[in-house]
N, C-alpha and C. Protein backbone atom coordinates (compact mmCIF):
# COMPACT_ATOMS: atom_id res chain seq x y z
N UNK A 1 -27.40 10.46 -3.40
CA UNK A 1 -26.67 9.98 -2.19
C UNK A 1 -25.79 11.09 -1.65
N UNK A 2 -25.34 10.87 -0.42
CA UNK A 2 -24.55 11.92 0.24
C UNK A 2 -23.06 11.88 -0.21
N UNK A 3 -22.39 12.92 0.27
CA UNK A 3 -20.91 12.98 -0.02
C UNK A 3 -20.24 11.75 0.52
N UNK A 4 -20.73 11.18 1.62
CA UNK A 4 -20.11 9.98 2.27
C UNK A 4 -20.42 8.72 1.51
N UNK A 5 -21.42 8.73 0.69
CA UNK A 5 -21.81 7.53 -0.06
C UNK A 5 -22.27 7.95 -1.42
N UNK A 6 -21.37 8.33 -2.31
CA UNK A 6 -21.71 8.82 -3.68
C UNK A 6 -22.49 7.75 -4.46
N UNK A 7 -23.41 8.20 -5.29
CA UNK A 7 -24.21 7.25 -6.10
C UNK A 7 -23.55 6.86 -7.37
N UNK A 8 -22.74 7.74 -8.00
CA UNK A 8 -22.21 7.49 -9.31
C UNK A 8 -20.65 7.52 -9.26
N UNK A 9 -20.07 7.02 -10.30
CA UNK A 9 -18.62 7.03 -10.47
C UNK A 9 -18.15 8.47 -10.43
N UNK A 10 -18.82 9.37 -11.19
CA UNK A 10 -18.41 10.73 -11.22
C UNK A 10 -18.44 11.43 -9.84
N UNK A 11 -19.47 11.15 -9.08
CA UNK A 11 -19.59 11.70 -7.72
C UNK A 11 -18.47 11.16 -6.83
N UNK A 12 -18.18 9.88 -6.95
CA UNK A 12 -17.06 9.24 -6.12
C UNK A 12 -15.76 9.83 -6.56
N UNK A 13 -15.53 9.98 -7.88
CA UNK A 13 -14.24 10.51 -8.35
C UNK A 13 -13.96 11.92 -7.83
N UNK A 14 -15.01 12.68 -7.59
CA UNK A 14 -14.82 14.07 -7.01
C UNK A 14 -14.40 14.02 -5.55
N UNK A 15 -14.45 12.85 -4.90
CA UNK A 15 -14.10 12.76 -3.48
C UNK A 15 -12.67 12.25 -3.27
N UNK A 16 -11.97 11.85 -4.34
CA UNK A 16 -10.62 11.36 -4.21
C UNK A 16 -9.65 12.21 -4.98
N UNK A 17 -8.33 12.20 -4.58
CA UNK A 17 -7.40 13.10 -5.23
C UNK A 17 -6.71 12.44 -6.43
N UNK A 18 -6.80 11.11 -6.53
CA UNK A 18 -6.13 10.41 -7.65
C UNK A 18 -7.14 10.18 -8.80
N UNK A 19 -6.68 10.09 -10.00
CA UNK A 19 -7.61 9.90 -11.13
C UNK A 19 -8.16 8.45 -11.01
N UNK A 20 -9.44 8.33 -11.50
CA UNK A 20 -10.10 7.02 -11.62
C UNK A 20 -9.51 6.18 -12.78
N UNK A 21 -9.18 6.85 -13.87
CA UNK A 21 -8.61 6.19 -14.98
C UNK A 21 -9.68 5.60 -15.95
N UNK A 22 -9.30 4.53 -16.59
CA UNK A 22 -10.12 3.91 -17.64
C UNK A 22 -10.73 2.56 -17.11
N UNK A 23 -11.80 2.14 -17.76
CA UNK A 23 -12.34 0.79 -17.40
C UNK A 23 -11.18 -0.25 -17.40
N UNK A 24 -11.18 -1.10 -16.44
CA UNK A 24 -10.11 -2.06 -16.27
C UNK A 24 -10.36 -3.28 -17.12
N UNK A 25 -10.50 -3.08 -18.40
CA UNK A 25 -10.93 -4.13 -19.33
C UNK A 25 -9.93 -5.29 -19.44
N UNK A 26 -8.61 -4.94 -19.36
CA UNK A 26 -7.55 -5.93 -19.50
C UNK A 26 -7.65 -7.02 -18.38
N UNK A 27 -8.17 -6.63 -17.23
CA UNK A 27 -8.19 -7.56 -16.09
C UNK A 27 -9.64 -7.88 -15.68
N UNK A 28 -10.61 -7.46 -16.49
CA UNK A 28 -11.99 -7.63 -16.12
C UNK A 28 -12.35 -9.07 -15.88
N UNK A 29 -11.71 -10.03 -16.50
CA UNK A 29 -12.02 -11.50 -16.28
C UNK A 29 -11.66 -11.88 -14.84
N UNK A 30 -10.85 -11.10 -14.14
CA UNK A 30 -10.46 -11.49 -12.75
C UNK A 30 -11.19 -10.67 -11.72
N UNK A 31 -12.28 -9.95 -12.14
CA UNK A 31 -13.04 -9.16 -11.17
C UNK A 31 -14.52 -9.56 -11.28
N UNK A 32 -15.18 -9.49 -10.13
CA UNK A 32 -16.62 -9.62 -10.06
C UNK A 32 -17.16 -8.24 -9.95
N UNK A 33 -17.72 -7.64 -10.99
CA UNK A 33 -18.15 -6.26 -11.03
C UNK A 33 -17.17 -5.43 -11.81
N UNK A 34 -17.46 -4.09 -11.83
CA UNK A 34 -16.68 -3.20 -12.68
C UNK A 34 -15.59 -2.48 -11.83
N UNK A 35 -14.41 -2.35 -12.46
CA UNK A 35 -13.34 -1.54 -11.84
C UNK A 35 -12.68 -0.70 -12.89
N UNK A 36 -11.93 0.25 -12.39
CA UNK A 36 -11.23 1.21 -13.25
C UNK A 36 -9.76 1.28 -12.82
N UNK A 37 -8.84 1.52 -13.75
CA UNK A 37 -7.43 1.49 -13.49
C UNK A 37 -6.76 2.76 -14.00
N UNK A 38 -5.97 3.39 -13.08
CA UNK A 38 -5.22 4.64 -13.42
C UNK A 38 -3.79 4.40 -13.05
N UNK A 39 -2.99 3.95 -14.01
CA UNK A 39 -1.51 3.83 -13.69
C UNK A 39 -0.92 5.20 -13.37
N UNK A 40 -0.28 5.31 -12.23
CA UNK A 40 0.29 6.53 -11.80
C UNK A 40 1.78 6.67 -12.11
N UNK A 41 2.51 5.54 -11.97
CA UNK A 41 3.92 5.53 -12.31
C UNK A 41 4.39 4.03 -12.52
N UNK A 42 5.33 3.91 -13.45
CA UNK A 42 5.92 2.62 -13.68
C UNK A 42 7.39 2.64 -13.16
N UNK A 43 7.85 3.77 -12.67
CA UNK A 43 9.21 3.94 -12.20
C UNK A 43 9.37 3.50 -10.79
N UNK A 44 10.50 2.96 -10.40
CA UNK A 44 10.91 2.57 -9.05
C UNK A 44 9.90 1.65 -8.36
N UNK A 45 8.76 2.07 -7.95
CA UNK A 45 7.70 1.25 -7.29
C UNK A 45 6.42 1.48 -8.12
N UNK A 46 6.14 0.60 -9.09
CA UNK A 46 4.94 0.80 -9.94
C UNK A 46 3.73 0.95 -9.07
N UNK A 47 2.91 1.97 -9.35
CA UNK A 47 1.77 2.32 -8.53
C UNK A 47 0.60 2.68 -9.47
N UNK A 48 -0.54 2.12 -9.13
CA UNK A 48 -1.82 2.46 -9.80
C UNK A 48 -2.89 2.72 -8.81
N UNK A 49 -3.85 3.56 -9.26
CA UNK A 49 -5.05 3.71 -8.48
C UNK A 49 -6.09 2.79 -9.06
N UNK A 50 -6.73 1.97 -8.22
CA UNK A 50 -7.76 1.05 -8.69
C UNK A 50 -9.07 1.44 -7.99
N UNK A 51 -10.11 1.67 -8.79
CA UNK A 51 -11.41 2.02 -8.24
C UNK A 51 -12.38 0.88 -8.50
N UNK A 52 -13.18 0.58 -7.53
CA UNK A 52 -14.13 -0.49 -7.54
C UNK A 52 -15.55 0.04 -7.31
N UNK A 53 -16.52 -0.41 -8.15
CA UNK A 53 -17.91 -0.03 -7.84
C UNK A 53 -18.32 -0.86 -6.64
N UNK A 54 -19.47 -0.40 -5.96
CA UNK A 54 -19.94 -1.14 -4.83
C UNK A 54 -20.12 -2.61 -5.14
N UNK A 55 -19.62 -3.50 -4.29
CA UNK A 55 -19.71 -4.91 -4.49
C UNK A 55 -18.70 -5.59 -5.32
N UNK A 56 -17.88 -4.74 -6.03
CA UNK A 56 -16.83 -5.33 -6.93
C UNK A 56 -15.66 -5.80 -6.10
N UNK A 57 -15.13 -6.93 -6.49
CA UNK A 57 -13.90 -7.44 -5.85
C UNK A 57 -13.13 -8.23 -6.90
N UNK A 58 -11.84 -8.36 -6.63
CA UNK A 58 -11.02 -9.17 -7.54
C UNK A 58 -11.02 -10.68 -7.02
N UNK A 59 -10.57 -11.55 -7.94
CA UNK A 59 -10.42 -12.97 -7.56
C UNK A 59 -9.38 -13.15 -6.57
N UNK A 60 -9.38 -14.28 -5.91
CA UNK A 60 -8.24 -14.67 -5.06
C UNK A 60 -7.02 -14.65 -6.00
N UNK A 61 -5.87 -14.26 -5.47
CA UNK A 61 -4.64 -14.24 -6.29
C UNK A 61 -3.44 -14.29 -5.39
N UNK A 62 -2.28 -14.58 -6.00
CA UNK A 62 -1.01 -14.64 -5.28
C UNK A 62 0.04 -13.89 -6.09
N UNK A 63 0.75 -13.05 -5.42
CA UNK A 63 1.90 -12.37 -6.05
C UNK A 63 3.17 -13.23 -5.71
N UNK A 64 3.73 -13.80 -6.68
CA UNK A 64 4.94 -14.66 -6.50
C UNK A 64 6.22 -13.85 -6.72
N UNK A 65 7.30 -14.29 -6.07
CA UNK A 65 8.61 -13.69 -6.31
C UNK A 65 9.68 -14.57 -5.75
N UNK A 66 10.79 -14.71 -6.42
CA UNK A 66 11.90 -15.46 -5.88
C UNK A 66 12.55 -14.77 -4.68
N UNK A 67 12.48 -13.45 -4.69
CA UNK A 67 13.08 -12.62 -3.61
C UNK A 67 12.26 -11.33 -3.61
N UNK A 68 11.93 -10.82 -2.43
CA UNK A 68 11.18 -9.50 -2.34
C UNK A 68 9.79 -9.72 -2.87
N UNK A 69 9.28 -8.72 -3.57
CA UNK A 69 7.98 -8.84 -4.20
C UNK A 69 6.83 -8.63 -3.27
N UNK A 70 5.65 -8.85 -3.75
CA UNK A 70 4.46 -8.63 -3.01
C UNK A 70 3.72 -7.39 -3.43
N UNK A 71 2.83 -6.91 -2.64
CA UNK A 71 1.99 -5.78 -2.96
C UNK A 71 1.68 -5.01 -1.68
N UNK A 72 1.41 -3.69 -1.88
CA UNK A 72 1.01 -2.86 -0.81
C UNK A 72 -0.19 -2.12 -1.26
N UNK A 73 -1.24 -2.02 -0.42
CA UNK A 73 -2.48 -1.36 -0.75
C UNK A 73 -2.68 -0.19 0.21
N UNK A 74 -3.05 1.02 -0.28
CA UNK A 74 -3.36 2.16 0.48
C UNK A 74 -4.70 2.68 0.08
N UNK A 75 -5.70 2.63 0.97
CA UNK A 75 -7.05 3.08 0.67
C UNK A 75 -7.00 4.59 0.55
N UNK A 76 -7.55 5.13 -0.59
CA UNK A 76 -7.68 6.54 -0.83
C UNK A 76 -9.11 7.04 -0.89
N UNK A 77 -10.08 6.15 -0.79
CA UNK A 77 -11.37 6.56 -0.86
C UNK A 77 -12.43 5.48 -0.62
N UNK A 78 -13.59 5.76 -0.07
CA UNK A 78 -14.62 4.79 0.12
C UNK A 78 -14.32 3.78 1.15
N UNK A 79 -14.92 2.62 1.03
CA UNK A 79 -14.74 1.50 1.97
C UNK A 79 -14.67 0.19 1.32
N UNK A 80 -13.66 -0.58 1.70
CA UNK A 80 -13.49 -1.88 1.06
C UNK A 80 -12.92 -2.87 2.03
N UNK A 81 -12.50 -4.01 1.49
CA UNK A 81 -11.96 -5.09 2.33
C UNK A 81 -10.73 -5.73 1.66
N UNK A 82 -9.91 -6.31 2.50
CA UNK A 82 -8.79 -7.08 2.13
C UNK A 82 -8.91 -8.39 2.96
N UNK A 83 -8.66 -9.55 2.29
CA UNK A 83 -8.70 -10.81 3.03
C UNK A 83 -7.68 -11.76 2.57
N UNK A 84 -6.94 -12.33 3.55
CA UNK A 84 -6.01 -13.43 3.26
C UNK A 84 -6.76 -14.75 3.41
N UNK A 85 -6.37 -15.74 2.63
CA UNK A 85 -6.98 -17.06 2.68
C UNK A 85 -6.93 -17.59 4.14
N UNK A 86 -8.06 -18.03 4.65
CA UNK A 86 -8.12 -18.62 5.99
C UNK A 86 -8.21 -17.59 7.12
N UNK A 87 -8.25 -16.29 6.78
CA UNK A 87 -8.26 -15.25 7.82
C UNK A 87 -9.52 -14.44 7.65
N UNK A 88 -9.96 -13.73 8.72
CA UNK A 88 -11.11 -12.84 8.61
C UNK A 88 -10.77 -11.68 7.67
N UNK A 89 -11.76 -11.06 7.03
CA UNK A 89 -11.56 -9.91 6.19
C UNK A 89 -11.20 -8.74 7.01
N UNK A 90 -10.41 -7.79 6.50
CA UNK A 90 -10.02 -6.57 7.21
C UNK A 90 -10.66 -5.36 6.46
N UNK A 91 -11.39 -4.56 7.17
CA UNK A 91 -12.00 -3.38 6.54
C UNK A 91 -10.96 -2.33 6.20
N UNK A 92 -11.06 -1.72 5.05
CA UNK A 92 -10.20 -0.66 4.68
C UNK A 92 -10.98 0.63 4.43
N UNK A 93 -10.50 1.72 5.08
CA UNK A 93 -11.10 3.05 4.90
C UNK A 93 -9.93 3.97 4.56
N UNK A 94 -10.18 5.20 4.10
CA UNK A 94 -9.09 6.09 3.68
C UNK A 94 -7.98 6.19 4.76
N UNK A 95 -6.77 5.93 4.27
CA UNK A 95 -5.61 5.95 5.12
C UNK A 95 -5.18 4.53 5.53
N UNK A 96 -6.00 3.52 5.41
CA UNK A 96 -5.64 2.11 5.72
C UNK A 96 -4.54 1.65 4.78
N UNK A 97 -3.63 0.92 5.38
CA UNK A 97 -2.43 0.41 4.61
C UNK A 97 -2.39 -1.10 4.87
N UNK A 98 -2.25 -1.92 3.82
CA UNK A 98 -2.10 -3.34 3.96
C UNK A 98 -0.80 -3.76 3.24
N UNK A 99 0.08 -4.51 3.86
CA UNK A 99 1.28 -5.04 3.27
C UNK A 99 1.08 -6.50 3.01
N UNK A 100 1.26 -6.92 1.81
CA UNK A 100 0.96 -8.30 1.37
C UNK A 100 2.30 -8.91 0.89
N UNK A 101 2.87 -9.76 1.72
CA UNK A 101 4.10 -10.44 1.24
C UNK A 101 3.88 -11.34 0.07
N UNK A 102 4.91 -11.59 -0.70
CA UNK A 102 4.79 -12.56 -1.82
C UNK A 102 4.34 -13.91 -1.25
N UNK A 103 3.62 -14.63 -2.03
CA UNK A 103 3.19 -15.98 -1.65
C UNK A 103 1.92 -16.05 -0.91
N UNK A 104 1.24 -14.94 -0.59
CA UNK A 104 0.05 -14.94 0.25
C UNK A 104 -1.23 -14.85 -0.67
N UNK A 105 -2.07 -15.83 -0.54
CA UNK A 105 -3.32 -15.90 -1.33
C UNK A 105 -4.31 -14.90 -0.66
N UNK A 106 -4.87 -13.99 -1.51
CA UNK A 106 -5.71 -12.93 -0.98
C UNK A 106 -6.63 -12.37 -2.05
N UNK A 107 -7.52 -11.51 -1.64
CA UNK A 107 -8.38 -10.72 -2.52
C UNK A 107 -8.61 -9.30 -1.88
N UNK A 108 -9.11 -8.40 -2.68
CA UNK A 108 -9.48 -7.09 -2.19
C UNK A 108 -10.53 -6.50 -3.05
N UNK A 109 -11.40 -5.63 -2.45
CA UNK A 109 -12.47 -5.03 -3.23
C UNK A 109 -13.36 -4.18 -2.36
N UNK A 110 -14.41 -3.65 -2.97
CA UNK A 110 -15.31 -2.71 -2.31
C UNK A 110 -16.30 -3.44 -1.33
N UNK A 111 -16.76 -2.67 -0.42
CA UNK A 111 -17.84 -3.18 0.43
C UNK A 111 -19.14 -3.23 -0.45
N UNK A 112 -20.11 -3.99 -0.01
CA UNK A 112 -21.32 -4.16 -0.83
C UNK A 112 -22.06 -2.84 -1.11
N UNK A 113 -21.87 -1.86 -0.21
CA UNK A 113 -22.65 -0.59 -0.28
C UNK A 113 -21.85 0.63 -0.49
N UNK A 114 -20.52 0.47 -0.92
CA UNK A 114 -19.68 1.64 -1.06
C UNK A 114 -18.71 1.49 -2.21
N UNK A 115 -18.41 2.65 -2.85
CA UNK A 115 -17.33 2.70 -3.79
C UNK A 115 -16.05 2.56 -3.02
N UNK A 116 -14.99 2.14 -3.68
CA UNK A 116 -13.70 1.91 -3.01
C UNK A 116 -12.56 2.24 -4.01
N UNK A 117 -11.55 2.89 -3.49
CA UNK A 117 -10.33 3.11 -4.34
C UNK A 117 -9.14 2.88 -3.46
N UNK A 118 -8.14 2.21 -4.03
CA UNK A 118 -6.84 2.08 -3.34
C UNK A 118 -5.70 2.24 -4.33
N UNK A 119 -4.60 2.71 -3.76
CA UNK A 119 -3.38 2.68 -4.54
C UNK A 119 -2.80 1.25 -4.41
N UNK A 120 -2.43 0.64 -5.48
CA UNK A 120 -1.76 -0.67 -5.47
C UNK A 120 -0.34 -0.46 -5.90
N UNK A 121 0.57 -0.73 -4.96
CA UNK A 121 1.99 -0.62 -5.20
C UNK A 121 2.65 -1.98 -5.38
N UNK A 122 3.37 -2.18 -6.42
CA UNK A 122 4.03 -3.49 -6.69
C UNK A 122 5.42 -3.37 -6.02
N UNK A 123 5.63 -4.28 -5.03
CA UNK A 123 6.87 -4.24 -4.27
C UNK A 123 7.95 -4.85 -5.19
N UNK A 124 9.02 -4.14 -5.34
CA UNK A 124 10.15 -4.68 -6.20
C UNK A 124 10.64 -6.05 -5.74
N UNK A 125 11.01 -6.91 -6.67
CA UNK A 125 11.59 -8.19 -6.36
C UNK A 125 12.12 -8.82 -7.62
N UNK A 126 12.56 -10.06 -7.46
CA UNK A 126 13.08 -10.78 -8.63
C UNK A 126 12.15 -11.92 -9.00
N UNK A 127 12.05 -12.16 -10.33
CA UNK A 127 11.14 -13.18 -10.83
C UNK A 127 9.71 -13.04 -10.33
N UNK A 128 9.17 -11.79 -10.42
CA UNK A 128 7.85 -11.53 -9.91
C UNK A 128 6.79 -11.97 -10.93
N UNK A 129 5.76 -12.50 -10.43
CA UNK A 129 4.55 -12.79 -11.31
C UNK A 129 3.30 -12.81 -10.43
N UNK A 130 2.17 -12.79 -11.11
CA UNK A 130 0.90 -12.78 -10.44
C UNK A 130 0.16 -13.97 -10.93
N UNK A 131 -0.44 -14.75 -10.00
CA UNK A 131 -1.27 -15.92 -10.31
C UNK A 131 -2.71 -15.62 -9.93
N UNK A 132 -3.56 -15.52 -10.93
CA UNK A 132 -4.96 -15.28 -10.69
C UNK A 132 -5.65 -16.66 -10.40
N UNK A 133 -6.50 -16.71 -9.40
CA UNK A 133 -7.13 -17.91 -8.99
C UNK A 133 -8.68 -17.79 -9.09
N UNK A 134 -9.41 -18.57 -8.29
CA UNK A 134 -10.87 -18.60 -8.39
C UNK A 134 -11.50 -17.33 -7.88
N UNK A 135 -12.71 -17.01 -8.34
CA UNK A 135 -13.45 -15.83 -7.80
C UNK A 135 -13.80 -16.03 -6.32
N UNK A 136 -13.96 -14.95 -5.66
CA UNK A 136 -14.46 -14.92 -4.29
C UNK A 136 -15.95 -15.20 -4.46
N UNK A 137 -16.39 -16.25 -3.75
CA UNK A 137 -17.82 -16.70 -3.89
C UNK A 137 -18.74 -15.66 -3.20
N UNK A 138 -20.02 -15.68 -3.60
CA UNK A 138 -21.01 -14.84 -2.94
C UNK A 138 -21.11 -15.21 -1.47
N UNK A 139 -20.93 -16.53 -1.11
CA UNK A 139 -20.97 -16.93 0.24
C UNK A 139 -19.76 -16.35 1.13
N UNK A 140 -18.60 -16.42 0.49
CA UNK A 140 -17.46 -15.86 1.13
C UNK A 140 -17.64 -14.38 1.35
N UNK A 141 -18.06 -13.68 0.27
CA UNK A 141 -18.25 -12.22 0.29
C UNK A 141 -19.32 -11.79 1.29
N UNK A 142 -20.35 -12.57 1.42
CA UNK A 142 -21.47 -12.24 2.32
C UNK A 142 -21.07 -12.30 3.79
N UNK A 143 -19.90 -12.91 4.07
CA UNK A 143 -19.46 -13.09 5.47
C UNK A 143 -18.53 -11.96 5.96
N UNK A 144 -18.46 -10.86 5.19
CA UNK A 144 -17.64 -9.75 5.61
C UNK A 144 -18.06 -9.23 6.95
N UNK A 145 -17.09 -8.77 7.75
CA UNK A 145 -17.49 -8.30 9.07
C UNK A 145 -18.03 -6.87 9.00
């Protein structure tokens, strides 16, 4: 495949500046497909690079917080999607930024035909937690714009 659409994880990794990390085994039950996790920092604003194989997405989920909290996504490679419950999906390409307030049900992941990597920033807050919900169905996923 071309530089714009790498065929393998190794080829995709060569196109992004952040590390791919290790297989995301600890959270694999919440993903449809394979993903990799590279924690970048746990200080101030915890940040990780998350890499998704083509077609991989995480389950619907909600970041809860009594105050503040939420998540911010910055696409650093490939092409993917972010979707809030009841809203159309938003395409993410390198440089795209999504701000997700606490309490918003959503999912994110790769396009069917592209690798995807984003930085996931945990917005500081009080009493923060993450609630994993149902998988994104194939029917929901097939309706991407």
